[in-house]
Amino acid sequence: MAETTVLAQPGEKQGLGKKSFTFFTDVAREMRKVSWPKRDELQDATVITLVLCVVLALFTFGVDKVFETIIRGIFRLF
């Protein structure tokens, strides 16, 4: 059965300490529900991320060089 957090009733004020304790208790409860990736999955995701970063960096570099060449060509005309 799902656990629920008891909220303050309307008009009832909670102190900062009680709110903080409730928040961190809820965070700990939710973190236990997380399905963490296995080592192999994490390594695969890391490799994919690094390769994608390199590919995008090279693409950006290439597009920048093409535009640089075009802009330099245009300014040589004037």
PDB file of N, CA and C in Angstrom:
ATOM      1  N   MET A   1       0.840  -1.169   0.000  1.00  0.00           N
ATOM      2  CA  MET A   1       0.000   0.000   0.000  1.00  0.00           C
ATOM      3  C   MET A   1       0.890   1.239   0.000  1.00  0.00           C
ATOM      4  N   ALA A   2       0.468   2.254  -0.707  1.00  0.00           N
ATOM      5  CA  ALA A   2       1.263   3.472  -0.819  1.00  0.00           C
ATOM      6  C   ALA A   2       1.246   4.249   0.493  1.00  0.00           C
ATOM      7  N   GLU A   3       2.399   4.783   0.823  1.00  0.00           N
ATOM      8  CA  GLU A   3       2.495   5.615   2.018  1.00  0.00           C
ATOM      9  C   GLU A   3       2.180   7.047   1.642  1.00  0.00           C
ATOM     10  N   THR A   4       1.503   7.737   2.510  1.00  0.00           N
ATOM     11  CA  THR A   4       1.169   9.125   2.232  1.00  0.00           C
ATOM     12  C   THR A   4       1.723  10.016   3.330  1.00  0.00           C
ATOM     13  N   THR A   5       2.017  11.224   2.955  1.00  0.00           N
ATOM     14  CA  THR A   5       2.523  12.204   3.898  1.00  0.00           C
ATOM     15  C   THR A   5       1.339  12.924   4.527  1.00  0.00           C
ATOM     16  N   VAL A   6       1.385  13.058   5.818  1.00  0.00           N
ATOM     17  CA  VAL A   6       0.324  13.777   6.518  1.00  0.00           C
ATOM     18  C   VAL A   6       0.622  15.265   6.406  1.00  0.00           C
ATOM     19  N   LEU A   7      -0.308  15.980   5.787  1.00  0.00           N
ATOM     20  CA  LEU A   7      -0.131  17.417   5.611  1.00  0.00           C
ATOM     21  C   LEU A   7      -0.787  18.150   6.765  1.00  0.00           C
ATOM     22  N   ALA A   8      -0.335  19.349   6.993  1.00  0.00           N
ATOM     23  CA  ALA A   8      -0.921  20.170   8.051  1.00  0.00           C
ATOM     24  C   ALA A   8      -2.351  20.524   7.673  1.00  0.00           C
ATOM     25  N   GLN A   9      -3.203  20.565   8.644  1.00  0.00           N
ATOM     26  CA  GLN A   9      -4.593  20.953   8.432  1.00  0.00           C
ATOM     27  C   GLN A   9      -4.641  22.450   8.117  1.00  0.00           C
ATOM     28  N   PRO A  10      -5.652  22.890   7.388  1.00  0.00           N
ATOM     29  CA  PRO A  10      -5.758  24.327   7.110  1.00  0.00           C
ATOM     30  C   PRO A  10      -5.787  25.119   8.412  1.00  0.00           C
ATOM     31  N   GLY A  11      -5.007  26.159   8.463  1.00  0.00           N
ATOM     32  CA  GLY A  11      -4.934  26.989   9.653  1.00  0.00           C
ATOM     33  C   GLY A  11      -3.885  26.517  10.640  1.00  0.00           C
ATOM     34  N   GLU A  12      -3.397  25.267  10.477  1.00  0.00           N
ATOM     35  CA  GLU A  12      -2.371  24.741  11.380  1.00  0.00           C
ATOM     36  C   GLU A  12      -1.006  25.037  10.777  1.00  0.00           C
ATOM     37  N   LYS A  13      -0.128  25.631  11.548  1.00  0.00           N
ATOM     38  CA  LYS A  13       1.203  25.974  11.052  1.00  0.00           C
ATOM     39  C   LYS A  13       2.209  24.959  11.552  1.00  0.00           C
ATOM     40  N   GLN A  14       3.148  24.598  10.657  1.00  0.00           N
ATOM     41  CA  GLN A  14       4.246  23.716  11.026  1.00  0.00           C
ATOM     42  C   GLN A  14       5.507  24.559  11.123  1.00  0.00           C
ATOM     43  N   GLY A  15       6.333  24.241  12.089  1.00  0.00           N
ATOM     44  CA  GLY A  15       7.600  24.934  12.217  1.00  0.00           C
ATOM     45  C   GLY A  15       8.576  24.495  11.140  1.00  0.00           C
ATOM     46  N   LEU A  16       9.626  25.275  10.981  1.00  0.00           N
ATOM     47  CA  LEU A  16      10.639  24.969   9.976  1.00  0.00           C
ATOM     48  C   LEU A  16      11.287  23.616  10.236  1.00  0.00           C
ATOM     49  N   GLY A  17      11.542  23.295  11.494  1.00  0.00           N
ATOM     50  CA  GLY A  17      12.164  22.015  11.832  1.00  0.00           C
ATOM     51  C   GLY A  17      11.288  20.844  11.433  1.00  0.00           C
ATOM     52  N   LYS A  18       9.992  20.930  11.696  1.00  0.00           N
ATOM     53  CA  LYS A  18       9.064  19.844  11.353  1.00  0.00           C
ATOM     54  C   LYS A  18       8.948  19.704   9.842  1.00  0.00           C
ATOM     55  N   LYS A  19       8.884  20.853   9.139  1.00  0.00           N
ATOM     56  CA  LYS A  19       8.801  20.811   7.677  1.00  0.00           C
ATOM     57  C   LYS A  19      10.061  20.175   7.083  1.00  0.00           C
ATOM     58  N   SER A  20      11.232  20.560   7.613  1.00  0.00           N
ATOM     59  CA  SER A  20      12.490  20.017   7.112  1.00  0.00           C
ATOM     60  C   SER A  20      12.569  18.521   7.363  1.00  0.00           C
ATOM     61  N   PHE A  21      12.189  18.092   8.560  1.00  0.00           N
ATOM     62  CA  PHE A  21      12.227  16.673   8.901  1.00  0.00           C
ATOM     63  C   PHE A  21      11.301  15.882   7.978  1.00  0.00           C
ATOM     64  N   THR A  22      10.095  16.405   7.755  1.00  0.00           N
ATOM     65  CA  THR A  22       9.140  15.731   6.874  1.00  0.00           C
ATOM     66  C   THR A  22       9.692  15.654   5.456  1.00  0.00           C
ATOM     67  N   PHE A  23      10.291  16.748   4.987  1.00  0.00           N
ATOM     68  CA  PHE A  23      10.853  16.766   3.636  1.00  0.00           C
ATOM     69  C   PHE A  23      11.928  15.700   3.477  1.00  0.00           C
ATOM     70  N   PHE A  24      12.894  15.661   4.392  1.00  0.00           N
ATOM     71  CA  PHE A  24      13.995  14.709   4.258  1.00  0.00           C
ATOM     72  C   PHE A  24      13.534  13.270   4.469  1.00  0.00           C
ATOM     73  N   THR A  25      12.526  13.070   5.294  1.00  0.00           N
ATOM     74  CA  THR A  25      11.959  11.734   5.460  1.00  0.00           C
ATOM     75  C   THR A  25      11.315  11.272   4.153  1.00  0.00           C
ATOM     76  N   ASP A  26      10.577  12.180   3.508  1.00  0.00           N
ATOM     77  CA  ASP A  26       9.954  11.848   2.230  1.00  0.00           C
ATOM     78  C   ASP A  26      10.999  11.582   1.145  1.00  0.00           C
ATOM     79  N   VAL A  27      12.060  12.363   1.142  1.00  0.00           N
ATOM     80  CA  VAL A  27      13.130  12.153   0.158  1.00  0.00           C
ATOM     81  C   VAL A  27      13.757  10.780   0.356  1.00  0.00           C
ATOM     82  N   ALA A  28      14.060  10.417   1.584  1.00  0.00           N
ATOM     83  CA  ALA A  28      14.662   9.107   1.865  1.00  0.00           C
ATOM     84  C   ALA A  28      13.725   7.978   1.436  1.00  0.00           C
ATOM     85  N   ARG A  29      12.436   8.132   1.692  1.00  0.00           N
ATOM     86  CA  ARG A  29      11.449   7.118   1.310  1.00  0.00           C
ATOM     87  C   ARG A  29      11.409   6.958  -0.209  1.00  0.00           C
ATOM     88  N   GLU A  30      11.414   8.067  -0.928  1.00  0.00           N
ATOM     89  CA  GLU A  30      11.371   8.008  -2.393  1.00  0.00           C
ATOM     90  C   GLU A  30      12.662   7.448  -2.975  1.00  0.00           C
ATOM     91  N   MET A  31      13.800   7.759  -2.361  1.00  0.00           N
ATOM     92  CA  MET A  31      15.080   7.253  -2.870  1.00  0.00           C
ATOM     93  C   MET A  31      15.162   5.737  -2.768  1.00  0.00           C
ATOM     94  N   ARG A  32      14.478   5.154  -1.787  1.00  0.00           N
ATOM     95  CA  ARG A  32      14.468   3.687  -1.676  1.00  0.00           C
ATOM     96  C   ARG A  32      13.677   3.048  -2.811  1.00  0.00           C
ATOM     97  N   LYS A  33      12.793   3.807  -3.445  1.00  0.00           N
ATOM     98  CA  LYS A  33      11.976   3.291  -4.545  1.00  0.00           C
ATOM     99  C   LYS A  33      12.694   3.341  -5.896  1.00  0.00           C
ATOM    100  N   VAL A  34      13.777   4.076  -5.967  1.00  0.00           N
ATOM    101  CA  VAL A  34      14.490   4.277  -7.230  1.00  0.00           C
ATOM    102  C   VAL A  34      15.147   2.974  -7.663  1.00  0.00           C
ATOM    103  N   SER A  35      15.020   2.652  -8.948  1.00  0.00           N
ATOM    104  CA  SER A  35      15.734   1.484  -9.469  1.00  0.00           C
ATOM    105  C   SER A  35      17.026   2.002 -10.112  1.00  0.00           C
ATOM    106  N   TRP A  36      18.120   1.781  -9.446  1.00  0.00           N
ATOM    107  CA  TRP A  36      19.408   2.285  -9.888  1.00  0.00           C
ATOM    108  C   TRP A  36      19.947   1.396 -10.997  1.00  0.00           C
ATOM    109  N   PRO A  37      20.668   1.981 -11.977  1.00  0.00           N
ATOM    110  CA  PRO A  37      21.203   1.164 -13.077  1.00  0.00           C
ATOM    111  C   PRO A  37      22.328   0.255 -12.585  1.00  0.00           C
ATOM    112  N   LYS A  38      22.456  -0.869 -13.266  1.00  0.00           N
ATOM    113  CA  LYS A  38      23.562  -1.794 -12.979  1.00  0.00           C
ATOM    114  C   LYS A  38      24.849  -1.206 -13.555  1.00  0.00           C
ATOM    115  N   ARG A  39      25.978  -1.749 -13.140  1.00  0.00           N
ATOM    116  CA  ARG A  39      27.279  -1.222 -13.564  1.00  0.00           C
ATOM    117  C   ARG A  39      27.418  -1.234 -15.088  1.00  0.00           C
ATOM    118  N   ASP A  40      27.008  -2.332 -15.740  1.00  0.00           N
ATOM    119  CA  ASP A  40      27.127  -2.424 -17.200  1.00  0.00           C
ATOM    120  C   ASP A  40      26.270  -1.370 -17.895  1.00  0.00           C
ATOM    121  N   GLU A  41      25.055  -1.167 -17.404  1.00  0.00           N
ATOM    122  CA  GLU A  41      24.178  -0.151 -17.987  1.00  0.00           C
ATOM    123  C   GLU A  41      24.776   1.241 -17.831  1.00  0.00           C
ATOM    124  N   LEU A  42      25.362   1.498 -16.678  1.00  0.00           N
ATOM    125  CA  LEU A  42      25.965   2.798 -16.416  1.00  0.00           C
ATOM    126  C   LEU A  42      27.172   3.042 -17.320  1.00  0.00           C
ATOM    127  N   GLN A  43      27.983   2.014 -17.523  1.00  0.00           N
ATOM    128  CA  GLN A  43      29.148   2.154 -18.399  1.00  0.00           C
ATOM    129  C   GLN A  43      28.705   2.397 -19.840  1.00  0.00           C
ATOM    130  N   ASP A  44      27.690   1.664 -20.297  1.00  0.00           N
ATOM    131  CA  ASP A  44      27.185   1.865 -21.660  1.00  0.00           C
ATOM    132  C   ASP A  44      26.661   3.286 -21.844  1.00  0.00           C
ATOM    133  N   ALA A  45      25.900   3.760 -20.877  1.00  0.00           N
ATOM    134  CA  ALA A  45      25.346   5.110 -20.968  1.00  0.00           C
ATOM    135  C   ALA A  45      26.454   6.160 -20.966  1.00  0.00           C
ATOM    136  N   THR A  46      27.505   5.926 -20.180  1.00  0.00           N
ATOM    137  CA  THR A  46      28.627   6.865 -20.128  1.00  0.00           C
ATOM    138  C   THR A  46      29.348   6.923 -21.460  1.00  0.00           C
ATOM    139  N   VAL A  47      29.599   5.763 -22.063  1.00  0.00           N
ATOM    140  CA  VAL A  47      30.287   5.720 -23.360  1.00  0.00           C
ATOM    141  C   VAL A  47      29.450   6.421 -24.422  1.00  0.00           C
ATOM    142  N   ILE A  48      28.151   6.148 -24.439  1.00  0.00           N
ATOM    143  CA  ILE A  48      27.265   6.789 -25.417  1.00  0.00           C
ATOM    144  C   ILE A  48      27.278   8.302 -25.236  1.00  0.00           C
ATOM    145  N   THR A  49      27.238   8.763 -23.997  1.00  0.00           N
ATOM    146  CA  THR A  49      27.246  10.196 -23.717  1.00  0.00           C
ATOM    147  C   THR A  49      28.539  10.847 -24.189  1.00  0.00           C
ATOM    148  N   LEU A  50      29.677  10.217 -23.893  1.00  0.00           N
ATOM    149  CA  LEU A  50      30.966  10.781 -24.307  1.00  0.00           C
ATOM    150  C   LEU A  50      31.107  10.816 -25.821  1.00  0.00           C
ATOM    151  N   VAL A  51      30.696   9.745 -26.495  1.00  0.00           N
ATOM    152  CA  VAL A  51      30.777   9.703 -27.959  1.00  0.00           C
ATOM    153  C   VAL A  51      29.877  10.780 -28.561  1.00  0.00           C
ATOM    154  N   LEU A  52      28.677  10.921 -28.034  1.00  0.00           N
ATOM    155  CA  LEU A  52      27.757  11.929 -28.543  1.00  0.00           C
ATOM    156  C   LEU A  52      28.314  13.341 -28.339  1.00  0.00           C
ATOM    157  N   CYS A  53      28.949  13.583 -27.202  1.00  0.00           N
ATOM    158  CA  CYS A  53      29.558  14.901 -26.950  1.00  0.00           C
ATOM    159  C   CYS A  53      30.657  15.202 -27.963  1.00  0.00           C
ATOM    160  N   VAL A  54      31.491  14.213 -28.251  1.00  0.00           N
ATOM    161  CA  VAL A  54      32.573  14.406 -29.222  1.00  0.00           C
ATOM    162  C   VAL A  54      31.995  14.656 -30.612  1.00  0.00           C
ATOM    163  N   VAL A  55      30.992  13.882 -31.006  1.00  0.00           N
ATOM    164  CA  VAL A  55      30.375  14.053 -32.324  1.00  0.00           C
ATOM    165  C   VAL A  55      29.757  15.445 -32.458  1.00  0.00           C
ATOM    166  N   LEU A  56      29.033  15.876 -31.424  1.00  0.00           N
ATOM    167  CA  LEU A  56      28.416  17.203 -31.481  1.00  0.00           C
ATOM    168  C   LEU A  56      29.461  18.320 -31.478  1.00  0.00           C
ATOM    169  N   ALA A  57      30.549  18.128 -30.750  1.00  0.00           N
ATOM    170  CA  ALA A  57      31.617  19.127 -30.751  1.00  0.00           C
ATOM    171  C   ALA A  57      32.246  19.235 -32.136  1.00  0.00           C
ATOM    172  N   LEU A  58      32.488  18.098 -32.771  1.00  0.00           N
ATOM    173  CA  LEU A  58      33.067  18.111 -34.126  1.00  0.00           C
ATOM    174  C   LEU A  58      32.095  18.734 -35.130  1.00  0.00           C
ATOM    175  N   PHE A  59      30.827  18.428 -35.000  1.00  0.00           N
ATOM    176  CA  PHE A  59      29.826  19.023 -35.887  1.00  0.00           C
ATOM    177  C   PHE A  59      29.790  20.539 -35.725  1.00  0.00           C
ATOM    178  N   THR A  60      29.779  20.998 -34.481  1.00  0.00           N
ATOM    179  CA  THR A  60      29.766  22.437 -34.209  1.00  0.00           C
ATOM    180  C   THR A  60      31.018  23.102 -34.760  1.00  0.00           C
ATOM    181  N   PHE A  61      32.160  22.468 -34.584  1.00  0.00           N
ATOM    182  CA  PHE A  61      33.419  22.983 -35.120  1.00  0.00           C
ATOM    183  C   PHE A  61      33.337  23.103 -36.645  1.00  0.00           C
ATOM    184  N   GLY A  62      32.815  22.056 -37.293  1.00  0.00           N
ATOM    185  CA  GLY A  62      32.704  22.069 -38.753  1.00  0.00           C
ATOM    186  C   GLY A  62      31.786  23.163 -39.257  1.00  0.00           C
ATOM    187  N   VAL A  63      30.623  23.303 -38.636  1.00  0.00           N
ATOM    188  CA  VAL A  63      29.680  24.346 -39.043  1.00  0.00           C
ATOM    189  C   VAL A  63      30.297  25.724 -38.828  1.00  0.00           C
ATOM    190  N   ASP A  64      31.007  25.908 -37.717  1.00  0.00           N
ATOM    191  CA  ASP A  64      31.661  27.184 -37.425  1.00  0.00           C
ATOM    192  C   ASP A  64      32.695  27.505 -38.497  1.00  0.00           C
ATOM    193  N   LYS A  65      33.487  26.519 -38.896  1.00  0.00           N
ATOM    194  CA  LYS A  65      34.513  26.753 -39.929  1.00  0.00           C
ATOM    195  C   LYS A  65      33.883  27.091 -41.277  1.00  0.00           C
ATOM    196  N   VAL A  66      32.770  26.434 -41.616  1.00  0.00           N
ATOM    197  CA  VAL A  66      32.087  26.733 -42.882  1.00  0.00           C
ATOM    198  C   VAL A  66      31.584  28.172 -42.869  1.00  0.00           C
ATOM    199  N   PHE A  67      30.914  28.576 -41.792  1.00  0.00           N
ATOM    200  CA  PHE A  67      30.421  29.950 -41.711  1.00  0.00           C
ATOM    201  C   PHE A  67      31.566  30.961 -41.673  1.00  0.00           C
ATOM    202  N   GLU A  68      32.671  30.611 -41.005  1.00  0.00           N
ATOM    203  CA  GLU A  68      33.824  31.502 -40.978  1.00  0.00           C
ATOM    204  C   GLU A  68      34.353  31.731 -42.389  1.00  0.00           C
ATOM    205  N   THR A  69      34.443  30.664 -43.167  1.00  0.00           N
ATOM    206  CA  THR A  69      34.925  30.771 -44.542  1.00  0.00           C
ATOM    207  C   THR A  69      33.986  31.632 -45.380  1.00  0.00           C
ATOM    208  N   ILE A  70      32.695  31.424 -45.210  1.00  0.00           N
ATOM    209  CA  ILE A  70      31.712  32.210 -45.974  1.00  0.00           C
ATOM    210  C   ILE A  70      31.795  33.683 -45.591  1.00  0.00           C
ATOM    211  N   ILE A  71      31.858  33.986 -44.304  1.00  0.00           N
ATOM    212  CA  ILE A  71      31.923  35.372 -43.844  1.00  0.00           C
ATOM    213  C   ILE A  71      33.212  36.039 -44.310  1.00  0.00           C
ATOM    214  N   ARG A  72      34.342  35.326 -44.228  1.00  0.00           N
ATOM    215  CA  ARG A  72      35.617  35.895 -44.709  1.00  0.00           C
ATOM    216  C   ARG A  72      35.550  36.183 -46.204  1.00  0.00           C
ATOM    217  N   GLY A  73      34.906  35.282 -46.958  1.00  0.00           N
ATOM    218  CA  GLY A  73      34.743  35.489 -48.407  1.00  0.00           C
ATOM    219  C   GLY A  73      33.916  36.712 -48.711  1.00  0.00           C
ATOM    220  N   ILE A  74      32.853  36.906 -47.935  1.00  0.00           N
ATOM    221  CA  ILE A  74      31.979  38.060 -48.155  1.00  0.00           C
ATOM    222  C   ILE A  74      32.739  39.357 -47.864  1.00  0.00           C
ATOM    223  N   PHE A  75      33.511  39.383 -46.772  1.00  0.00           N
ATOM    224  CA  PHE A  75      34.229  40.619 -46.408  1.00  0.00           C
ATOM    225  C   PHE A  75      35.398  40.910 -47.347  1.00  0.00           C
ATOM    226  N   ARG A  76      35.912  39.919 -48.025  1.00  0.00           N
ATOM    227  CA  ARG A  76      36.979  40.164 -48.994  1.00  0.00           C
ATOM    228  C   ARG A  76      36.435  40.904 -50.229  1.00  0.00           C
ATOM    229  N   LEU A  77      35.160  40.732 -50.494  1.00  0.00           N
ATOM    230  CA  LEU A  77      34.538  41.402 -51.633  1.00  0.00           C
ATOM    231  C   LEU A  77      34.446  42.892 -51.429  1.00  0.00           C
ATOM    232  N   PHE A  78      34.371  43.323 -50.179  1.00  0.00           N
ATOM    233  CA  PHE A  78      34.199  44.761 -49.903  1.00  0.00           C
ATOM    234  C   PHE A  78      35.508  45.354 -49.629  1.00  0.00           C
TER     235      PHE A  78
END
